[in-house]
Amino acid sequence: MELKGLVAIVTGAGKGIGKAIAEEYLREGASVALWGRSLDQLKQVEEALNPSGERVISAKVDVSREQEVQSGCSEVLRRFNHIDILVNNAGINHQFTPIEEMSLQAFESLLQVNLVGTFLCSRAVTPVMKKQKRGKMINISSLAGRTGRRNVGVNYGASKAGVIGLTKTLARELGPSGIYVNGIAPGPILTELMKQFPAEAIAGWNAGRAVDRNGLPEDIAHAAVFLASVRSDWVTGVTLDVNGGIMMF
């Protein structure tokens, strides 16, 4: 019960990594607001994780839309009175397009969700956390934002590298207010999004992996519990690399 009594917002919670994080947070005692673009999908997750509805609420929130983010935060406060944890997990990717064939719209639309959405959600909860004098923000980046990766696209790599830069800078800005800002950079994780890519691309991303198994959403969820708990109270501005040893410093 590492998170007992705390309230968390998890974006992109309808499936994959977001769903796994929400499940672990509930198991650890937190109340959770599930955000995503498909309310039907979120309701299915809510029913599976907390049928009584006592500790879960769902809201259709497109993180790239400022008003939806603000309204979502207001609803969480009305229901639970505080916001202790924000997990900026919502993200998209497209099939790989070489840069010479990529449109400006394709570049900007991906950054709007992956990077601007992280900014909008972080900005929305900051006044609440400042008033509480405590909070934890966890931003989901990617190995692609660390090293660049073939066959992911410059738009995706740039967006996830931007999340790492935002994490560091925001940690310095908000640290004096008792707010911790950290990130997680997953390696390849077997989610529905990942399965859309060709097998040879996935094999290439996993090349050199030290651990002989695929990464799972639960692997990222466990790291997210640590970063949300008091056990990480001397950790801020850090992006944890959870990748099975594909990349080592």
Protein backbone atom coordinates (compact mmCIF):
# COMPACT_ATOMS: atom_id res chain seq x y z
CA MET A 1 0.00 0.00 0.00
CA GLU A 2 2.76 2.42 -1.01
CA LEU A 3 0.25 4.99 -2.34
CA LYS A 4 -2.59 4.69 0.14
CA GLY A 5 -4.75 7.81 0.28
CA LEU A 6 -3.12 9.48 -2.73
CA VAL A 7 -4.89 10.61 -5.90
CA ALA A 8 -3.34 10.01 -9.31
CA ILE A 9 -4.16 11.08 -12.84
CA VAL A 10 -3.01 8.64 -15.52
CA THR A 11 -3.29 9.82 -19.11
CA GLY A 12 -3.64 7.35 -21.94
CA ALA A 13 -5.06 4.89 -19.41
CA GLY A 14 -7.28 2.89 -21.73
CA LYS A 15 -4.70 0.28 -22.65
CA GLY A 16 -1.07 -0.74 -22.57
CA ILE A 17 1.32 1.04 -20.24
CA GLY A 18 -1.28 3.49 -18.94
CA LYS A 19 -3.70 0.74 -18.00
CA ALA A 20 -0.93 -1.22 -16.24
CA ILE A 21 0.11 1.85 -14.24
CA ALA A 22 -3.48 2.54 -13.19
CA GLU A 23 -3.85 -1.08 -12.07
CA GLU A 24 -0.66 -0.97 -9.97
CA TYR A 25 -1.62 2.35 -8.41
CA LEU A 26 -4.97 0.96 -7.36
CA ARG A 27 -3.28 -2.11 -5.94
CA GLU A 28 -1.01 0.20 -3.92
CA GLY A 29 -3.98 2.08 -2.45
CA ALA A 30 -4.32 5.15 -4.64
CA SER A 31 -7.48 6.58 -6.17
CA VAL A 32 -7.06 7.00 -9.92
CA ALA A 33 -8.49 9.24 -12.63
CA LEU A 34 -8.34 7.49 -15.98
CA TRP A 35 -7.92 9.87 -18.91
CA GLY A 36 -8.07 8.99 -22.58
CA ARG A 37 -9.76 9.72 -25.87
CA SER A 38 -12.18 6.77 -25.79
CA LEU A 39 -14.61 6.95 -22.88
CA ASP A 40 -16.02 3.50 -23.69
CA GLN A 41 -12.55 2.01 -23.42
CA LEU A 42 -11.88 3.79 -20.13
CA LYS A 43 -15.18 2.61 -18.69
CA GLN A 44 -14.23 -0.97 -19.50
CA VAL A 45 -10.95 -0.50 -17.66
CA GLU A 46 -12.76 1.15 -14.74
CA GLU A 47 -15.21 -1.73 -14.46
CA ALA A 48 -12.40 -4.29 -14.56
CA LEU A 49 -10.18 -2.55 -12.01
CA ASN A 50 -12.69 -1.11 -9.54
CA PRO A 51 -16.28 -2.27 -10.14
CA SER A 52 -17.59 -0.30 -7.15
CA GLY A 53 -16.31 2.94 -8.64
CA GLU A 54 -15.17 4.18 -5.25
CA ARG A 55 -11.58 4.87 -6.23
CA VAL A 56 -11.74 5.33 -10.00
CA ILE A 57 -13.20 7.94 -12.30
CA SER A 58 -12.97 8.08 -16.08
CA ALA A 59 -12.92 11.16 -18.28
CA LYS A 60 -12.64 11.69 -22.02
CA VAL A 61 -9.62 13.98 -22.19
CA ASP A 62 -7.54 14.70 -25.27
CA VAL A 63 -4.33 15.95 -23.70
CA SER A 64 -3.57 18.12 -26.71
CA ARG A 65 -6.69 20.22 -26.00
CA GLU A 66 -6.18 22.81 -23.29
CA GLN A 67 -9.81 23.14 -22.22
CA GLU A 68 -10.32 19.38 -21.90
CA VAL A 69 -7.25 19.13 -19.66
CA GLN A 70 -8.46 21.95 -17.42
CA SER A 71 -11.96 20.48 -17.18
CA GLY A 72 -10.52 17.07 -16.38
CA CYS A 73 -8.47 18.47 -13.50
CA SER A 74 -11.49 20.30 -12.12
CA GLU A 75 -13.48 17.06 -12.12
CA VAL A 76 -10.71 15.20 -10.25
CA LEU A 77 -10.66 17.92 -7.60
CA ARG A 78 -14.45 17.85 -7.26
CA ARG A 79 -14.37 14.10 -6.70
CA PHE A 80 -11.22 13.59 -4.63
CA ASN A 81 -10.25 17.09 -3.36
CA HIS A 82 -6.56 16.78 -4.20
CA ILE A 83 -4.13 15.64 -6.91
CA ASP A 84 -0.92 14.01 -5.72
CA ILE A 85 0.41 12.21 -8.79
CA LEU A 86 0.32 12.93 -12.50
CA VAL A 87 1.47 10.32 -15.02
CA ASN A 88 1.91 11.83 -18.48
CA ASN A 89 1.63 8.61 -20.45
CA ALA A 90 -0.64 9.56 -23.37
CA GLY A 91 1.23 9.28 -26.63
CA ILE A 92 0.84 8.37 -30.27
CA ASN A 93 3.05 7.18 -33.07
CA HIS A 94 2.55 6.72 -36.77
CA GLN A 95 3.94 4.21 -39.20
CA PHE A 96 7.51 5.14 -40.06
CA THR A 97 7.83 7.83 -42.72
CA PRO A 98 11.24 8.98 -44.03
CA ILE A 99 11.86 12.64 -43.34
CA GLU A 100 11.78 13.62 -47.02
CA GLU A 101 8.26 12.21 -47.24
CA MET A 102 6.97 13.51 -43.88
CA SER A 103 4.52 16.37 -43.97
CA LEU A 104 4.69 19.28 -41.56
CA GLN A 105 1.24 18.29 -40.32
CA ALA A 106 2.45 14.77 -39.49
CA PHE A 107 5.41 16.18 -37.58
CA GLU A 108 3.40 18.75 -35.64
CA SER A 109 0.39 16.55 -34.84
CA LEU A 110 2.55 13.98 -33.09
CA LEU A 111 4.41 16.60 -31.05
CA GLN A 112 1.07 18.14 -30.11
CA VAL A 113 0.06 15.00 -28.23
CA ASN A 114 3.38 13.63 -27.00
CA LEU A 115 5.08 16.86 -25.94
CA VAL A 116 2.52 19.66 -25.83
CA GLY A 117 0.10 17.33 -24.04
CA THR A 118 2.71 16.65 -21.38
CA PHE A 119 3.17 20.39 -20.95
CA LEU A 120 -0.57 21.12 -20.71
CA CYS A 121 -1.22 18.43 -18.10
CA SER A 122 1.83 19.42 -16.04
CA ARG A 123 0.82 23.06 -16.13
CA ALA A 124 -2.75 22.25 -15.09
CA VAL A 125 -1.80 20.35 -11.92
CA THR A 126 1.06 22.62 -10.85
CA PRO A 127 -1.08 25.17 -8.91
CA VAL A 128 -2.79 22.31 -7.05
CA MET A 129 0.48 20.65 -6.11
CA LYS A 130 2.04 23.97 -5.11
CA LYS A 131 -0.86 24.65 -2.77
CA GLN A 132 -0.40 21.17 -1.26
CA LYS A 133 3.39 21.74 -1.09
CA ARG A 134 3.88 18.27 -2.55
CA GLY A 135 3.35 16.33 -5.74
CA LYS A 136 4.86 13.80 -8.12
CA MET A 137 4.91 14.10 -11.91
CA ILE A 138 6.03 11.15 -14.02
CA ASN A 139 6.59 11.62 -17.75
CA ILE A 140 6.76 8.63 -20.07
CA SER A 141 9.46 9.17 -22.68
CA SER A 142 11.13 6.45 -24.77
CA LEU A 143 14.45 4.88 -25.60
CA ALA A 144 13.97 6.65 -28.94
CA GLY A 145 14.24 9.96 -27.08
CA ARG A 146 17.54 8.85 -25.56
CA THR A 147 19.44 7.47 -28.52
CA GLY A 148 17.38 7.94 -31.65
CA ARG A 149 16.02 4.71 -33.12
CA ARG A 150 15.68 3.50 -36.68
CA ASN A 151 12.19 3.13 -38.12
CA VAL A 152 10.38 5.25 -35.52
CA GLY A 153 10.37 8.59 -37.32
CA VAL A 154 11.97 11.92 -36.48
CA ASN A 155 8.66 13.25 -35.17
CA TYR A 156 8.44 10.52 -32.51
CA GLY A 157 12.10 10.73 -31.53
CA ALA A 158 11.96 14.51 -31.25
CA SER A 159 8.80 14.44 -29.16
CA LYS A 160 10.22 11.94 -26.68
CA ALA A 161 13.56 13.75 -26.42
CA GLY A 162 11.56 16.89 -25.69
CA VAL A 163 9.80 15.10 -22.83
CA ILE A 164 13.18 14.36 -21.24
CA GLY A 165 14.21 18.02 -21.52
CA LEU A 166 10.89 19.17 -20.10
CA THR A 167 11.31 16.75 -17.18
CA LYS A 168 14.74 18.10 -16.21
CA THR A 169 13.81 21.76 -16.50
CA LEU A 170 10.49 21.39 -14.70
CA ALA A 171 12.17 19.46 -11.88
CA ARG A 172 14.44 22.44 -11.22
CA GLU A 173 11.57 24.92 -11.44
CA LEU A 174 9.20 23.03 -9.13
CA GLY A 175 11.62 21.39 -6.71
CA PRO A 176 11.50 24.29 -4.22
CA SER A 177 7.72 23.79 -4.04
CA GLY A 178 8.06 20.14 -2.99
CA ILE A 179 7.13 18.82 -6.42
CA TYR A 180 9.18 15.99 -7.90
CA VAL A 181 9.36 15.56 -11.67
CA ASN A 182 10.83 12.39 -13.14
CA GLY A 183 10.54 10.33 -16.27
CA ILE A 184 10.66 6.78 -17.54
CA ALA A 185 12.19 5.86 -20.89
CA PRO A 186 10.86 2.42 -21.82
CA GLY A 187 12.54 0.18 -24.29
CA PRO A 188 10.32 -1.86 -26.62
CA ILE A 189 7.19 -2.90 -24.69
CA LEU A 190 4.67 -5.41 -26.01
CA THR A 191 1.63 -3.16 -26.27
CA GLU A 192 -1.02 -2.94 -28.97
CA LEU A 193 0.84 0.09 -30.36
CA MET A 194 4.09 -1.89 -30.59
CA LYS A 195 2.42 -4.82 -32.31
CA GLN A 196 1.47 -2.55 -35.22
CA PHE A 197 5.09 -2.48 -36.35
CA PRO A 198 6.77 -5.15 -38.50
CA ALA A 199 8.47 -7.99 -36.64
CA GLU A 200 11.83 -7.13 -38.16
CA ALA A 201 11.57 -3.57 -36.83
CA ILE A 202 10.82 -4.82 -33.30
CA ALA A 203 13.72 -7.28 -33.49
CA GLY A 204 16.02 -4.44 -34.52
CA TRP A 205 14.92 -2.30 -31.56
CA ASN A 206 15.60 -5.23 -29.19
CA ALA A 207 19.07 -5.90 -30.57
CA GLY A 208 21.70 -6.18 -27.83
CA ARG A 209 19.16 -6.66 -25.04
CA ALA A 210 20.75 -8.12 -21.89
CA VAL A 211 17.57 -9.70 -20.51
CA ASP A 212 16.19 -12.60 -22.52
CA ARG A 213 12.52 -11.69 -22.49
CA ASN A 214 10.23 -9.03 -23.91
CA GLY A 215 9.39 -5.90 -21.96
CA LEU A 216 5.85 -5.81 -20.59
CA PRO A 217 3.60 -2.94 -19.49
CA GLU A 218 3.93 -4.12 -15.87
CA ASP A 219 7.67 -3.45 -16.00
CA ILE A 220 6.97 0.23 -16.56
CA ALA A 221 4.17 0.25 -13.99
CA HIS A 222 6.51 -0.99 -11.27
CA ALA A 223 8.93 1.86 -11.98
CA ALA A 224 6.01 4.30 -11.92
CA VAL A 225 5.02 3.10 -8.44
CA PHE A 226 8.54 3.78 -7.16
CA LEU A 227 8.60 7.28 -8.64
CA ALA A 228 5.16 8.06 -7.16
CA SER A 229 6.02 6.86 -3.66
CA VAL A 230 8.02 8.32 -0.77
CA ARG A 231 10.80 5.88 -1.65
CA SER A 232 11.86 8.26 -4.45
CA ASP A 233 11.88 11.42 -2.32
CA TRP A 234 15.54 12.11 -3.09
CA VAL A 235 15.06 11.61 -6.82
CA THR A 236 14.04 14.36 -9.21
CA GLY A 237 14.90 15.37 -12.76
CA VAL A 238 15.82 11.77 -13.54
CA THR A 239 14.59 9.66 -16.44
CA LEU A 240 14.79 5.97 -15.56
CA ASP A 241 15.84 3.71 -18.41
CA VAL A 242 13.67 0.59 -18.23
CA ASN A 243 14.75 -1.35 -21.29
CA GLY A 244 16.08 -4.79 -20.33
CA GLY A 245 19.66 -3.66 -20.84
CA ILE A 246 19.41 -2.55 -24.46
CA MET A 247 21.12 0.68 -23.48
CA MET A 248 23.48 1.04 -20.54
CA PHE A 249 25.39 4.10 -19.37
